Structures are given as C-alpha cells and as structure tokens.
Amino acid sequence: MLGDNNFTVIVELKRPDTALFETDKNRSESWRLSRDLTYAVSQILTQKAEWEIKSETKQFTESGQPISQSTVDPKTILIIGHRPI
C-alpha cells in the first residue's frame, strides 16, 4: 500500500509468469480471462473495500501511535502478466 495525506493507492503484485488468458477461447471466439486474473481483480477490490471500511475508525500502529493517514476512494493497481522465460 502506498499513501500520503492526500491519497491512498493499493498495489497488488502477481508473479510475471501468471497467465492472463485461458488456453481455449469461448463460444464467440474471444479469449477467456484466466482464473488467476479474475481472482486477482476480486482480491484487490476486496482489499479496497476493507480499507475503506477500516479507515472510518481510528487506527493505531503496533506501538499505539495514531495513524493520521486518511482515505478517500483509494485507487488500486494490479500488476500481473505473462512473460516468457
């Protein structure tokens, strides 16, 4: 997670060998998104929702110091891809 006093960005990194598409096409001959890609999108959207809910209450560090970071509609970045080795 990245942030400053003006914005928050949640970044999810996946392995570069993660497939973006399935090996077969659907009935309309378009490529099917991979299960890993759809799970990753679901995961980062869940993290965003959880962060928005959690940010509505006062949060503290492990040492008990208040966290002053605020969140307004955090942005999300998913880095995922397939790169031949």
PDB file of N, CA and C in Angstrom:
ATOM      1  N   MET A   1       0.834  -1.151   0.000  1.00  0.00           N
ATOM      2  CA  MET A   1       0.000   0.000   0.000  1.00  0.00           C
ATOM      3  C   MET A   1       0.893   1.233   0.000  1.00  0.00           C
ATOM      4  N   LEU A   2       0.496   2.218  -0.786  1.00  0.00           N
ATOM      5  CA  LEU A   2       1.192   3.489  -0.853  1.00  0.00           C
ATOM      6  C   LEU A   2       0.236   4.574  -0.411  1.00  0.00           C
ATOM      7  N   GLY A   3       0.734   5.608   0.213  1.00  0.00           N
ATOM      8  CA  GLY A   3      -0.161   6.676   0.609  1.00  0.00           C
ATOM      9  C   GLY A   3       0.577   7.893   1.105  1.00  0.00           C
ATOM     10  N   ASP A   4      -0.107   9.012   1.121  1.00  0.00           N
ATOM     11  CA  ASP A   4       0.332  10.218   1.797  1.00  0.00           C
ATOM     12  C   ASP A   4      -0.926  10.857   2.379  1.00  0.00           C
ATOM     13  N   ASN A   5      -0.870  12.084   2.782  1.00  0.00           N
ATOM     14  CA  ASN A   5      -2.032  12.691   3.410  1.00  0.00           C
ATOM     15  C   ASN A   5      -3.155  13.017   2.437  1.00  0.00           C
ATOM     16  N   ASN A   6      -2.920  12.870   1.133  1.00  0.00           N
ATOM     17  CA  ASN A   6      -3.933  13.234   0.141  1.00  0.00           C
ATOM     18  C   ASN A   6      -4.547  12.054  -0.595  1.00  0.00           C
ATOM     19  N   PHE A   7      -3.874  10.922  -0.630  1.00  0.00           N
ATOM     20  CA  PHE A   7      -4.431   9.793  -1.367  1.00  0.00           C
ATOM     21  C   PHE A   7      -3.845   8.479  -0.876  1.00  0.00           C
ATOM     22  N   THR A   8      -4.532   7.407  -1.219  1.00  0.00           N
ATOM     23  CA  THR A   8      -4.075   6.060  -0.896  1.00  0.00           C
ATOM     24  C   THR A   8      -4.157   5.217  -2.164  1.00  0.00           C
ATOM     25  N   VAL A   9      -3.137   4.412  -2.412  1.00  0.00           N
ATOM     26  CA  VAL A   9      -3.112   3.509  -3.560  1.00  0.00           C
ATOM     27  C   VAL A   9      -2.766   2.116  -3.047  1.00  0.00           C
ATOM     28  N   ILE A  10      -3.590   1.148  -3.382  1.00  0.00           N
ATOM     29  CA  ILE A  10      -3.340  -0.248  -3.017  1.00  0.00           C
ATOM     30  C   ILE A  10      -2.759  -0.929  -4.250  1.00  0.00           C
ATOM     31  N   VAL A  11      -1.590  -1.525  -4.100  1.00  0.00           N
ATOM     32  CA  VAL A  11      -0.904  -2.172  -5.213  1.00  0.00           C
ATOM     33  C   VAL A  11      -0.830  -3.666  -4.930  1.00  0.00           C
ATOM     34  N   GLU A  12      -1.291  -4.459  -5.872  1.00  0.00           N
ATOM     35  CA  GLU A  12      -1.234  -5.918  -5.762  1.00  0.00           C
ATOM     36  C   GLU A  12      -0.280  -6.429  -6.843  1.00  0.00           C
ATOM     37  N   LEU A  13       0.737  -7.173  -6.435  1.00  0.00           N
ATOM     38  CA  LEU A  13       1.720  -7.722  -7.364  1.00  0.00           C
ATOM     39  C   LEU A  13       1.506  -9.216  -7.513  1.00  0.00           C
ATOM     40  N   LYS A  14       1.510  -9.670  -8.741  1.00  0.00           N
ATOM     41  CA  LYS A  14       1.442 -11.104  -9.037  1.00  0.00           C
ATOM     42  C   LYS A  14       2.703 -11.502  -9.785  1.00  0.00           C
ATOM     43  N   ARG A  15       2.967 -12.768  -9.809  1.00  0.00           N
ATOM     44  CA  ARG A  15       4.168 -13.267 -10.488  1.00  0.00           C
ATOM     45  C   ARG A  15       4.100 -12.969 -11.986  1.00  0.00           C
ATOM     46  N   PRO A  16       5.255 -12.696 -12.613  1.00  0.00           N
ATOM     47  CA  PRO A  16       5.244 -12.394 -14.044  1.00  0.00           C
ATOM     48  C   PRO A  16       4.839 -13.579 -14.913  1.00  0.00           C
ATOM     49  N   ASP A  17       4.908 -14.779 -14.367  1.00  0.00           N
ATOM     50  CA  ASP A  17       4.504 -15.948 -15.165  1.00  0.00           C
ATOM     51  C   ASP A  17       3.027 -16.292 -14.968  1.00  0.00           C
ATOM     52  N   THR A  18       2.269 -15.413 -14.326  1.00  0.00           N
ATOM     53  CA  THR A  18       0.832 -15.630 -14.157  1.00  0.00           C
ATOM     54  C   THR A  18       0.131 -15.437 -15.500  1.00  0.00           C
ATOM     55  N   ALA A  19      -0.639 -16.418 -15.885  1.00  0.00           N
ATOM     56  CA  ALA A  19      -1.340 -16.344 -17.178  1.00  0.00           C
ATOM     57  C   ALA A  19      -2.464 -15.319 -17.123  1.00  0.00           C
ATOM     58  N   LEU A  20      -2.616 -14.561 -18.205  1.00  0.00           N
ATOM     59  CA  LEU A  20      -3.708 -13.598 -18.303  1.00  0.00           C
ATOM     60  C   LEU A  20      -4.948 -14.216 -18.934  1.00  0.00           C
ATOM     61  N   PHE A  21      -4.742 -15.206 -19.799  1.00  0.00           N
ATOM     62  CA  PHE A  21      -5.850 -15.822 -20.517  1.00  0.00           C
ATOM     63  C   PHE A  21      -5.804 -17.337 -20.380  1.00  0.00           C
ATOM     64  N   GLU A  22      -6.959 -17.972 -20.551  1.00  0.00           N
ATOM     65  CA  GLU A  22      -7.034 -19.427 -20.606  1.00  0.00           C
ATOM     66  C   GLU A  22      -6.509 -19.881 -21.966  1.00  0.00           C
ATOM     67  N   THR A  23      -6.231 -21.159 -22.091  1.00  0.00           N
ATOM     68  CA  THR A  23      -5.674 -21.658 -23.349  1.00  0.00           C
ATOM     69  C   THR A  23      -6.728 -21.825 -24.434  1.00  0.00           C
ATOM     70  N   ASP A  24      -8.005 -21.919 -24.050  1.00  0.00           N
ATOM     71  CA  ASP A  24      -9.057 -22.061 -25.053  1.00  0.00           C
ATOM     72  C   ASP A  24      -9.917 -20.801 -25.092  1.00  0.00           C
ATOM     73  N   LYS A  25     -10.617 -20.624 -26.205  1.00  0.00           N
ATOM     74  CA  LYS A  25     -11.475 -19.455 -26.384  1.00  0.00           C
ATOM     75  C   LYS A  25     -12.914 -19.813 -26.020  1.00  0.00           C
ATOM     76  N   ASN A  26     -13.740 -18.784 -25.836  1.00  0.00           N
ATOM     77  CA  ASN A  26     -15.147 -19.050 -25.548  1.00  0.00           C
ATOM     78  C   ASN A  26     -15.937 -19.214 -26.846  1.00  0.00           C
ATOM     79  N   ARG A  27     -17.255 -19.324 -26.756  1.00  0.00           N
ATOM     80  CA  ARG A  27     -18.086 -19.593 -27.938  1.00  0.00           C
ATOM     81  C   ARG A  27     -17.984 -18.516 -29.009  1.00  0.00           C
ATOM     82  N   SER A  28     -17.757 -17.268 -28.616  1.00  0.00           N
ATOM     83  CA  SER A  28     -17.666 -16.183 -29.596  1.00  0.00           C
ATOM     84  C   SER A  28     -16.243 -16.020 -30.127  1.00  0.00           C
ATOM     85  N   GLU A  29     -15.396 -16.981 -29.829  1.00  0.00           N
ATOM     86  CA  GLU A  29     -14.007 -16.989 -30.273  1.00  0.00           C
ATOM     87  C   GLU A  29     -13.163 -15.862 -29.674  1.00  0.00           C
ATOM     88  N   SER A  30     -13.609 -15.303 -28.550  1.00  0.00           N
ATOM     89  CA  SER A  30     -12.776 -14.327 -27.847  1.00  0.00           C
ATOM     90  C   SER A  30     -12.027 -15.050 -26.731  1.00  0.00           C
ATOM     91  N   TRP A  31     -10.930 -14.466 -26.296  1.00  0.00           N
ATOM     92  CA  TRP A  31     -10.107 -15.106 -25.280  1.00  0.00           C
ATOM     93  C   TRP A  31     -10.797 -15.042 -23.929  1.00  0.00           C
ATOM     94  N   ARG A  32     -10.694 -16.119 -23.176  1.00  0.00           N
ATOM     95  CA  ARG A  32     -11.244 -16.168 -21.818  1.00  0.00           C
ATOM     96  C   ARG A  32     -10.187 -15.678 -20.837  1.00  0.00           C
ATOM     97  N   LEU A  33     -10.590 -14.800 -19.917  1.00  0.00           N
ATOM     98  CA  LEU A  33      -9.668 -14.343 -18.885  1.00  0.00           C
ATOM     99  C   LEU A  33      -9.320 -15.509 -17.972  1.00  0.00           C
ATOM    100  N   SER A  34      -8.084 -15.545 -17.511  1.00  0.00           N
ATOM    101  CA  SER A  34      -7.652 -16.645 -16.651  1.00  0.00           C
ATOM    102  C   SER A  34      -8.292 -16.539 -15.273  1.00  0.00           C
ATOM    103  N   ARG A  35      -8.369 -17.659 -14.619  1.00  0.00           N
ATOM    104  CA  ARG A  35      -8.891 -17.720 -13.256  1.00  0.00           C
ATOM    105  C   ARG A  35      -8.013 -16.879 -12.330  1.00  0.00           C
ATOM    106  N   ASP A  36      -6.694 -16.937 -12.536  1.00  0.00           N
ATOM    107  CA  ASP A  36      -5.781 -16.145 -11.702  1.00  0.00           C
ATOM    108  C   ASP A  36      -6.036 -14.647 -11.847  1.00  0.00           C
ATOM    109  N   LEU A  37      -6.329 -14.200 -13.057  1.00  0.00           N
ATOM    110  CA  LEU A  37      -6.603 -12.781 -13.277  1.00  0.00           C
ATOM    111  C   LEU A  37      -7.903 -12.365 -12.613  1.00  0.00           C
ATOM    112  N   THR A  38      -8.958 -13.146 -12.784  1.00  0.00           N
ATOM    113  CA  THR A  38     -10.236 -12.772 -12.171  1.00  0.00           C
ATOM    114  C   THR A  38     -10.157 -12.835 -10.644  1.00  0.00           C
ATOM    115  N   TYR A  39      -9.407 -13.793 -10.094  1.00  0.00           N
ATOM    116  CA  TYR A  39      -9.218 -13.862  -8.643  1.00  0.00           C
ATOM    117  C   TYR A  39      -8.425 -12.648  -8.146  1.00  0.00           C
ATOM    118  N   ALA A  40      -7.417 -12.235  -8.908  1.00  0.00           N
ATOM    119  CA  ALA A  40      -6.599 -11.088  -8.507  1.00  0.00           C
ATOM    120  C   ALA A  40      -7.429  -9.808  -8.483  1.00  0.00           C
ATOM    121  N   VAL A  41      -8.290  -9.628  -9.484  1.00  0.00           N
ATOM    122  CA  VAL A  41      -9.167  -8.450  -9.507  1.00  0.00           C
ATOM    123  C   VAL A  41     -10.109  -8.492  -8.305  1.00  0.00           C
ATOM    124  N   SER A  42     -10.687  -9.646  -8.044  1.00  0.00           N
ATOM    125  CA  SER A  42     -11.576  -9.789  -6.894  1.00  0.00           C
ATOM    126  C   SER A  42     -10.828  -9.503  -5.594  1.00  0.00           C
ATOM    127  N   GLN A  43      -9.605  -9.992  -5.480  1.00  0.00           N
ATOM    128  CA  GLN A  43      -8.806  -9.799  -4.272  1.00  0.00           C
ATOM    129  C   GLN A  43      -8.525  -8.319  -4.024  1.00  0.00           C
ATOM    130  N   ILE A  44      -8.105  -7.590  -5.047  1.00  0.00           N
ATOM    131  CA  ILE A  44      -7.746  -6.190  -4.831  1.00  0.00           C
ATOM    132  C   ILE A  44      -8.980  -5.321  -4.576  1.00  0.00           C
ATOM    133  N   LEU A  45     -10.119  -5.673  -5.177  1.00  0.00           N
ATOM    134  CA  LEU A  45     -11.345  -4.930  -4.884  1.00  0.00           C
ATOM    135  C   LEU A  45     -11.832  -5.192  -3.461  1.00  0.00           C
ATOM    136  N   THR A  46     -11.626  -6.416  -2.977  1.00  0.00           N
ATOM    137  CA  THR A  46     -11.956  -6.730  -1.581  1.00  0.00           C
ATOM    138  C   THR A  46     -11.056  -5.951  -0.635  1.00  0.00           C
ATOM    139  N   GLN A  47      -9.763  -5.883  -0.949  1.00  0.00           N
ATOM    140  CA  GLN A  47      -8.830  -5.118  -0.123  1.00  0.00           C
ATOM    141  C   GLN A  47      -9.228  -3.642  -0.087  1.00  0.00           C
ATOM    142  N   LYS A  48      -9.646  -3.105  -1.219  1.00  0.00           N
ATOM    143  CA  LYS A  48     -10.081  -1.709  -1.275  1.00  0.00           C
ATOM    144  C   LYS A  48     -11.292  -1.492  -0.375  1.00  0.00           C
ATOM    145  N   ALA A  49     -12.275  -2.355  -0.481  1.00  0.00           N
ATOM    146  CA  ALA A  49     -13.491  -2.222   0.338  1.00  0.00           C
ATOM    147  C   ALA A  49     -13.155  -2.341   1.823  1.00  0.00           C
ATOM    148  N   GLU A  50     -12.303  -3.305   2.173  1.00  0.00           N
ATOM    149  CA  GLU A  50     -11.913  -3.476   3.575  1.00  0.00           C
ATOM    150  C   GLU A  50     -11.174  -2.246   4.094  1.00  0.00           C
ATOM    151  N   TRP A  51     -10.310  -1.675   3.269  1.00  0.00           N
ATOM    152  CA  TRP A  51      -9.556  -0.492   3.677  1.00  0.00           C
ATOM    153  C   TRP A  51     -10.497   0.701   3.876  1.00  0.00           C
ATOM    154  N   GLU A  52     -11.480   0.859   2.994  1.00  0.00           N
ATOM    155  CA  GLU A  52     -12.430   1.959   3.146  1.00  0.00           C
ATOM    156  C   GLU A  52     -13.228   1.820   4.444  1.00  0.00           C
ATOM    157  N   ILE A  53     -13.662   0.615   4.758  1.00  0.00           N
ATOM    158  CA  ILE A  53     -14.425   0.378   5.989  1.00  0.00           C
ATOM    159  C   ILE A  53     -13.537   0.606   7.210  1.00  0.00           C
ATOM    160  N   LYS A  54     -12.325   0.056   7.169  1.00  0.00           N
ATOM    161  CA  LYS A  54     -11.411   0.180   8.300  1.00  0.00           C
ATOM    162  C   LYS A  54     -11.000   1.630   8.536  1.00  0.00           C
ATOM    163  N   SER A  55     -10.909   2.425   7.479  1.00  0.00           N
ATOM    164  CA  SER A  55     -10.449   3.810   7.619  1.00  0.00           C
ATOM    165  C   SER A  55     -11.490   4.708   8.272  1.00  0.00           C
ATOM    166  N   GLU A  56     -12.716   4.215   8.438  1.00  0.00           N
ATOM    167  CA  GLU A  56     -13.758   5.013   9.069  1.00  0.00           C
ATOM    168  C   GLU A  56     -13.586   5.087  10.584  1.00  0.00           C
ATOM    169  N   THR A  57     -12.735   4.208  11.146  1.00  0.00           N
ATOM    170  CA  THR A  57     -12.476   4.238  12.585  1.00  0.00           C
ATOM    171  C   THR A  57     -11.014   4.612  12.816  1.00  0.00           C
ATOM    172  N   LYS A  58     -10.706   5.090  13.979  1.00  0.00           N
ATOM    173  CA  LYS A  58      -9.342   5.489  14.329  1.00  0.00           C
ATOM    174  C   LYS A  58      -8.451   4.253  14.354  1.00  0.00           C
ATOM    175  N   GLN A  59      -7.314   4.316  13.676  1.00  0.00           N
ATOM    176  CA  GLN A  59      -6.366   3.202  13.611  1.00  0.00           C
ATOM    177  C   GLN A  59      -5.073   3.588  14.317  1.00  0.00           C
ATOM    178  N   PHE A  60      -4.369   2.580  14.848  1.00  0.00           N
ATOM    179  CA  PHE A  60      -3.148   2.802  15.603  1.00  0.00           C
ATOM    180  C   PHE A  60      -2.052   1.864  15.124  1.00  0.00           C
ATOM    181  N   THR A  61      -0.807   2.292  15.253  1.00  0.00           N
ATOM    182  CA  THR A  61       0.341   1.448  14.935  1.00  0.00           C
ATOM    183  C   THR A  61       0.492   0.407  16.041  1.00  0.00           C
ATOM    184  N   GLU A  62       1.423  -0.528  15.837  1.00  0.00           N
ATOM    185  CA  GLU A  62       1.671  -1.556  16.854  1.00  0.00           C
ATOM    186  C   GLU A  62       2.132  -0.947  18.180  1.00  0.00           C
ATOM    187  N   SER A  63       2.785   0.215  18.113  1.00  0.00           N
ATOM    188  CA  SER A  63       3.258   0.867  19.336  1.00  0.00           C
ATOM    189  C   SER A  63       2.209   1.782  19.960  1.00  0.00           C
ATOM    190  N   GLY A  64       1.008   1.821  19.392  1.00  0.00           N
ATOM    191  CA  GLY A  64      -0.078   2.605  19.960  1.00  0.00           C
ATOM    192  C   GLY A  64      -0.194   4.030  19.459  1.00  0.00           C
ATOM    193  N   GLN A  65       0.629   4.405  18.483  1.00  0.00           N
ATOM    194  CA  GLN A  65       0.566   5.750  17.920  1.00  0.00           C
ATOM    195  C   GLN A  65      -0.591   5.836  16.920  1.00  0.00           C
ATOM    196  N   PRO A  66      -1.361   6.944  16.945  1.00  0.00           N
ATOM    197  CA  PRO A  66      -2.462   7.070  15.987  1.00  0.00           C
ATOM    198  C   PRO A  66      -1.944   7.220  14.554  1.00  0.00           C
ATOM    199  N   ILE A  67      -2.661   6.615  13.630  1.00  0.00           N
ATOM    200  CA  ILE A  67      -2.324   6.724  12.208  1.00  0.00           C
ATOM    201  C   ILE A  67      -3.143   7.877  11.650  1.00  0.00           C
ATOM    202  N   SER A  68      -2.466   8.867  11.074  1.00  0.00           N
ATOM    203  CA  SER A  68      -3.166  10.049  10.582  1.00  0.00           C
ATOM    204  C   SER A  68      -3.557   9.938   9.104  1.00  0.00           C
ATOM    205  N   GLN A  69      -3.164   8.863   8.440  1.00  0.00           N
ATOM    206  CA  GLN A  69      -3.497   8.670   7.024  1.00  0.00           C
ATOM    207  C   GLN A  69      -5.010   8.577   6.853  1.00  0.00           C
ATOM    208  N   SER A  70      -5.554   9.383   5.969  1.00  0.00           N
ATOM    209  CA  SER A  70      -6.981   9.283   5.670  1.00  0.00           C
ATOM    210  C   SER A  70      -7.154   8.662   4.291  1.00  0.00           C
ATOM    211  N   THR A  71      -8.336   8.167   4.034  1.00  0.00           N
ATOM    212  CA  THR A  71      -8.610   7.507   2.761  1.00  0.00           C
ATOM    213  C   THR A  71      -9.888   8.060   2.162  1.00  0.00           C
ATOM    214  N   VAL A  72      -9.810   8.454   0.904  1.00  0.00           N
ATOM    215  CA  VAL A  72     -10.985   8.861   0.141  1.00  0.00           C
ATOM    216  C   VAL A  72     -10.896   8.137  -1.193  1.00  0.00           C
ATOM    217  N   ASP A  73     -11.785   7.170  -1.404  1.00  0.00           N
ATOM    218  CA  ASP A  73     -11.811   6.392  -2.641  1.00  0.00           C
ATOM    219  C   ASP A  73     -10.410   5.946  -3.067  1.00  0.00           C
ATOM    220  N   PRO A  74      -9.793   5.017  -2.321  1.00  0.00           N
ATOM    221  CA  PRO A  74      -8.445   4.583  -2.676  1.00  0.00           C
ATOM    222  C   PRO A  74      -8.401   3.986  -4.080  1.00  0.00           C
ATOM    223  N   LYS A  75      -7.329   4.255  -4.762  1.00  0.00           N
ATOM    224  CA  LYS A  75      -7.115   3.705  -6.103  1.00  0.00           C
ATOM    225  C   LYS A  75      -6.441   2.349  -5.966  1.00  0.00           C
ATOM    226  N   THR A  76      -6.599   1.521  -6.976  1.00  0.00           N
ATOM    227  CA  THR A  76      -5.976   0.205  -6.961  1.00  0.00           C
ATOM    228  C   THR A  76      -5.164  -0.004  -8.236  1.00  0.00           C
ATOM    229  N   ILE A  77      -4.055  -0.684  -8.089  1.00  0.00           N
ATOM    230  CA  ILE A  77      -3.202  -1.038  -9.227  1.00  0.00           C
ATOM    231  C   ILE A  77      -2.912  -2.522  -9.115  1.00  0.00           C
ATOM    232  N   LEU A  78      -3.176  -3.253 -10.185  1.00  0.00           N
ATOM    233  CA  LEU A  78      -2.874  -4.677 -10.256  1.00  0.00           C
ATOM    234  C   LEU A  78      -1.759  -4.862 -11.268  1.00  0.00           C
ATOM    235  N   ILE A  79      -0.649  -5.403 -10.827  1.00  0.00           N
ATOM    236  CA  ILE A  79       0.469  -5.684 -11.718  1.00  0.00           C
ATOM    237  C   ILE A  79       0.540  -7.193 -11.882  1.00  0.00           C
ATOM    238  N   ILE A  80       0.223  -7.632 -13.082  1.00  0.00           N
ATOM    239  CA  ILE A  80       0.124  -9.059 -13.369  1.00  0.00           C
ATOM    240  C   ILE A  80       0.477  -9.237 -14.845  1.00  0.00           C
ATOM    241  N   GLY A  81       1.090 -10.336 -15.182  1.00  0.00           N
ATOM    242  CA  GLY A  81       1.381 -10.518 -16.584  1.00  0.00           C
ATOM    243  C   GLY A  81       2.079 -11.825 -16.865  1.00  0.00           C
ATOM    244  N   HIS A  82       2.206 -12.066 -18.123  1.00  0.00           N
ATOM    245  CA  HIS A  82       2.848 -13.292 -18.587  1.00  0.00           C
ATOM    246  C   HIS A  82       4.058 -12.906 -19.418  1.00  0.00           C
ATOM    247  N   ARG A  83       5.208 -13.381 -19.002  1.00  0.00           N
ATOM    248  CA  ARG A  83       6.444 -13.094 -19.693  1.00  0.00           C
ATOM    249  C   ARG A  83       7.165 -14.405 -19.934  1.00  0.00           C
ATOM    250  N   PRO A  84       7.448 -14.735 -21.194  1.00  0.00           N
ATOM    251  CA  PRO A  84       8.171 -15.976 -21.446  1.00  0.00           C
ATOM    252  C   PRO A  84       9.539 -15.958 -20.775  1.00  0.00           C
ATOM    253  N   ILE A  85       9.921 -17.086 -20.244  1.00  0.00           N
ATOM    254  CA  ILE A  85      11.218 -17.178 -19.553  1.00  0.00           C
ATOM    255  C   ILE A  85      12.267 -17.691 -20.495  1.00  0.00           C
TER     256      ILE A  85
END
